[in-house]
Amino acid sequence: MSPKRSGVPRPLKKAEFEIQFGTSQAQKGWQDLLATKLNSVVDAWDFLTKTPLDESEKNHRLKGELARVTHKGGTFDRWQLELPGGARIWFYVDGQSICLVNVYTNHPNATK
């Protein structure tokens, strides 16, 4: 009899950030991204767990009315990580946690 196979969660180093879903839309969007842009999602995971607050052309705070998000009793800066092909991940950082609030497989209309 062979042991039942199951996925092994990726361990985090002490200095890395933990990624969590903040909304059901983010969870569904993440699954959609996995199905369509797997390599980009793996790269995004690595970036988000290691350096989510490094600003660049591809990772930056959103502006205007999208700049802040209120979630779970707190207000946070909302960030956007741009993936190839127009996909976007909107998140905030709370301590050592990354909270995904929106995940889009295409460029969202709100930032066009």
C-alpha atoms as a PDB file:
ATOM      1  CA  MET A   1       0.000   0.000   0.000  1.00  0.00           C
ATOM      2  CA  SER A   2       1.466   3.388  -1.005  1.00  0.00           C
ATOM      3  CA  PRO A   3       1.073   6.518   1.121  1.00  0.00           C
ATOM      4  CA  LYS A   4      -1.534   9.051   0.058  1.00  0.00           C
ATOM      5  CA  ARG A   5       0.050  11.906  -1.882  1.00  0.00           C
ATOM      6  CA  SER A   6      -0.651  15.483  -0.905  1.00  0.00           C
ATOM      7  CA  GLY A   7       0.896  18.861  -1.547  1.00  0.00           C
ATOM      8  CA  VAL A   8       3.570  20.104   0.790  1.00  0.00           C
ATOM      9  CA  PRO A   9       3.123  23.764   1.750  1.00  0.00           C
ATOM     10  CA  ARG A  10       6.147  25.930   1.031  1.00  0.00           C
ATOM     11  CA  PRO A  11       7.929  26.736   4.307  1.00  0.00           C
ATOM     12  CA  LEU A  12       8.810  30.353   5.033  1.00  0.00           C
ATOM     13  CA  LYS A  13      12.043  31.755   6.392  1.00  0.00           C
ATOM     14  CA  LYS A  14      11.628  33.863   9.536  1.00  0.00           C
ATOM     15  CA  ALA A  15      12.143  37.079   7.561  1.00  0.00           C
ATOM     16  CA  GLU A  16       9.599  36.160   4.870  1.00  0.00           C
ATOM     17  CA  PHE A  17       5.984  37.260   4.689  1.00  0.00           C
ATOM     18  CA  GLU A  18       2.995  34.925   4.869  1.00  0.00           C
ATOM     19  CA  ILE A  19       0.398  35.281   2.092  1.00  0.00           C
ATOM     20  CA  GLN A  20      -3.299  35.108   2.972  1.00  0.00           C
ATOM     21  CA  PHE A  21      -6.532  35.583   1.076  1.00  0.00           C
ATOM     22  CA  GLY A  22      -8.513  38.562   2.306  1.00  0.00           C
ATOM     23  CA  THR A  23     -11.524  38.039   0.042  1.00  0.00           C
ATOM     24  CA  SER A  24     -13.220  35.259  -1.888  1.00  0.00           C
ATOM     25  CA  GLN A  25     -12.565  37.255  -5.095  1.00  0.00           C
ATOM     26  CA  ALA A  26      -8.838  37.156  -4.378  1.00  0.00           C
ATOM     27  CA  GLN A  27      -8.968  33.397  -3.824  1.00  0.00           C
ATOM     28  CA  LYS A  28     -10.877  32.794  -7.069  1.00  0.00           C
ATOM     29  CA  GLY A  29      -8.650  35.203  -8.993  1.00  0.00           C
ATOM     30  CA  TRP A  30      -5.553  33.432  -7.651  1.00  0.00           C
ATOM     31  CA  GLN A  31      -6.895  30.073  -8.827  1.00  0.00           C
ATOM     32  CA  ASP A  32      -7.644  31.597 -12.246  1.00  0.00           C
ATOM     33  CA  LEU A  33      -4.103  32.991 -12.425  1.00  0.00           C
ATOM     34  CA  LEU A  34      -2.658  29.600 -11.488  1.00  0.00           C
ATOM     35  CA  ALA A  35      -4.582  28.049 -14.368  1.00  0.00           C
ATOM     36  CA  THR A  36      -3.464  30.648 -16.928  1.00  0.00           C
ATOM     37  CA  LYS A  37      -0.151  32.146 -15.781  1.00  0.00           C
ATOM     38  CA  LEU A  38       1.503  29.574 -13.524  1.00  0.00           C
ATOM     39  CA  ASN A  39       5.112  30.739 -13.917  1.00  0.00           C
ATOM     40  CA  SER A  40       4.125  34.362 -13.263  1.00  0.00           C
ATOM     41  CA  VAL A  41       2.229  33.332 -10.117  1.00  0.00           C
ATOM     42  CA  VAL A  42       5.266  31.440  -8.812  1.00  0.00           C
ATOM     43  CA  ASP A  43       7.413  34.537  -9.427  1.00  0.00           C
ATOM     44  CA  ALA A  44       4.766  36.706  -7.719  1.00  0.00           C
ATOM     45  CA  TRP A  45       4.740  34.350  -4.712  1.00  0.00           C
ATOM     46  CA  ASP A  46       8.513  34.618  -4.395  1.00  0.00           C
ATOM     47  CA  PHE A  47       8.405  38.413  -4.672  1.00  0.00           C
ATOM     48  CA  LEU A  48       5.523  38.845  -2.218  1.00  0.00           C
ATOM     49  CA  THR A  49       7.025  36.587   0.440  1.00  0.00           C
ATOM     50  CA  LYS A  50      10.434  38.269   0.247  1.00  0.00           C
ATOM     51  CA  THR A  51      10.166  41.923  -0.836  1.00  0.00           C
ATOM     52  CA  PRO A  52       6.530  43.095  -1.058  1.00  0.00           C
ATOM     53  CA  LEU A  53       7.358  46.693  -0.110  1.00  0.00           C
ATOM     54  CA  ASP A  54      10.053  47.217  -2.765  1.00  0.00           C
ATOM     55  CA  GLU A  55       8.622  49.908  -5.044  1.00  0.00           C
ATOM     56  CA  SER A  56       9.173  49.645  -8.793  1.00  0.00           C
ATOM     57  CA  GLU A  57       7.317  50.085 -12.075  1.00  0.00           C
ATOM     58  CA  LYS A  58       5.711  46.678 -11.466  1.00  0.00           C
ATOM     59  CA  ASN A  59       5.062  46.977  -7.716  1.00  0.00           C
ATOM     60  CA  HIS A  60       3.688  50.183  -6.281  1.00  0.00           C
ATOM     61  CA  ARG A  61       1.057  51.757  -4.074  1.00  0.00           C
ATOM     62  CA  LEU A  62      -2.218  52.533  -5.765  1.00  0.00           C
ATOM     63  CA  LYS A  63      -3.314  56.171  -5.943  1.00  0.00           C
ATOM     64  CA  GLY A  64      -6.445  58.229  -5.416  1.00  0.00           C
ATOM     65  CA  GLU A  65      -9.501  56.503  -4.009  1.00  0.00           C
ATOM     66  CA  LEU A  66      -7.796  53.113  -4.461  1.00  0.00           C
ATOM     67  CA  ALA A  67      -4.795  54.104  -2.297  1.00  0.00           C
ATOM     68  CA  ARG A  68      -6.177  52.778   0.982  1.00  0.00           C
ATOM     69  CA  VAL A  69      -8.166  49.710   1.924  1.00  0.00           C
ATOM     70  CA  THR A  70     -10.097  49.139   5.115  1.00  0.00           C
ATOM     71  CA  HIS A  71     -10.140  45.483   6.045  1.00  0.00           C
ATOM     72  CA  LYS A  72     -10.564  43.513   9.281  1.00  0.00           C
ATOM     73  CA  GLY A  73     -10.755  46.665  11.388  1.00  0.00           C
ATOM     74  CA  GLY A  74      -7.645  48.358   9.999  1.00  0.00           C
ATOM     75  CA  THR A  75      -6.804  50.772   7.195  1.00  0.00           C
ATOM     76  CA  PHE A  76      -3.796  49.961   5.033  1.00  0.00           C
ATOM     77  CA  ASP A  77      -1.931  51.168   1.945  1.00  0.00           C
ATOM     78  CA  ARG A  78      -3.144  49.161  -1.053  1.00  0.00           C
ATOM     79  CA  TRP A  79      -0.388  47.913  -3.349  1.00  0.00           C
ATOM     80  CA  GLN A  80      -0.488  46.587  -6.899  1.00  0.00           C
ATOM     81  CA  LEU A  81       1.851  43.967  -8.317  1.00  0.00           C
ATOM     82  CA  GLU A  82       1.694  43.882 -12.107  1.00  0.00           C
ATOM     83  CA  LEU A  83       2.181  40.550 -13.835  1.00  0.00           C
ATOM     84  CA  PRO A  84       2.807  39.938 -17.539  1.00  0.00           C
ATOM     85  CA  GLY A  85      -0.242  40.084 -19.789  1.00  0.00           C
ATOM     86  CA  GLY A  86      -2.062  42.683 -17.686  1.00  0.00           C
ATOM     87  CA  ALA A  87      -2.746  40.519 -14.617  1.00  0.00           C
ATOM     88  CA  ARG A  88      -2.733  42.387 -11.303  1.00  0.00           C
ATOM     89  CA  ILE A  89      -2.536  41.464  -7.646  1.00  0.00           C
ATOM     90  CA  TRP A  90      -3.838  44.027  -5.149  1.00  0.00           C
ATOM     91  CA  PHE A  91      -2.654  43.513  -1.598  1.00  0.00           C
ATOM     92  CA  TYR A  92      -1.769  45.165   1.668  1.00  0.00           C
ATOM     93  CA  VAL A  93       0.893  44.409   4.237  1.00  0.00           C
ATOM     94  CA  ASP A  94       0.006  43.926   7.897  1.00  0.00           C
ATOM     95  CA  GLY A  95       3.089  43.070   9.941  1.00  0.00           C
ATOM     96  CA  GLN A  96       4.593  39.947   8.352  1.00  0.00           C
ATOM     97  CA  SER A  97       1.389  39.093   6.489  1.00  0.00           C
ATOM     98  CA  ILE A  98       0.439  39.860   2.919  1.00  0.00           C
ATOM     99  CA  CYS A  99      -3.315  40.038   2.470  1.00  0.00           C
ATOM    100  CA  LEU A 100      -4.536  39.581  -1.099  1.00  0.00           C
ATOM    101  CA  VAL A 101      -7.695  41.655  -1.571  1.00  0.00           C
ATOM    102  CA  ASN A 102      -8.122  41.478  -5.361  1.00  0.00           C
ATOM    103  CA  VAL A 103      -6.503  39.290  -8.012  1.00  0.00           C
ATOM    104  CA  TYR A 104      -7.191  39.976 -11.684  1.00  0.00           C
ATOM    105  CA  THR A 105      -6.218  37.882 -14.708  1.00  0.00           C
ATOM    106  CA  ASN A 106      -6.450  41.024 -16.864  1.00  0.00           C
ATOM    107  CA  HIS A 107      -5.873  44.737 -16.325  1.00  0.00           C
ATOM    108  CA  PRO A 108      -8.693  45.941 -14.012  1.00  0.00           C
ATOM    109  CA  ASN A 109     -10.912  48.727 -15.349  1.00  0.00           C
ATOM    110  CA  ALA A 110     -10.462  50.725 -12.127  1.00  0.00           C
ATOM    111  CA  THR A 111      -6.832  51.529 -13.019  1.00  0.00           C
ATOM    112  CA  LYS A 112      -7.097  52.001 -16.795  1.00  0.00           C
END
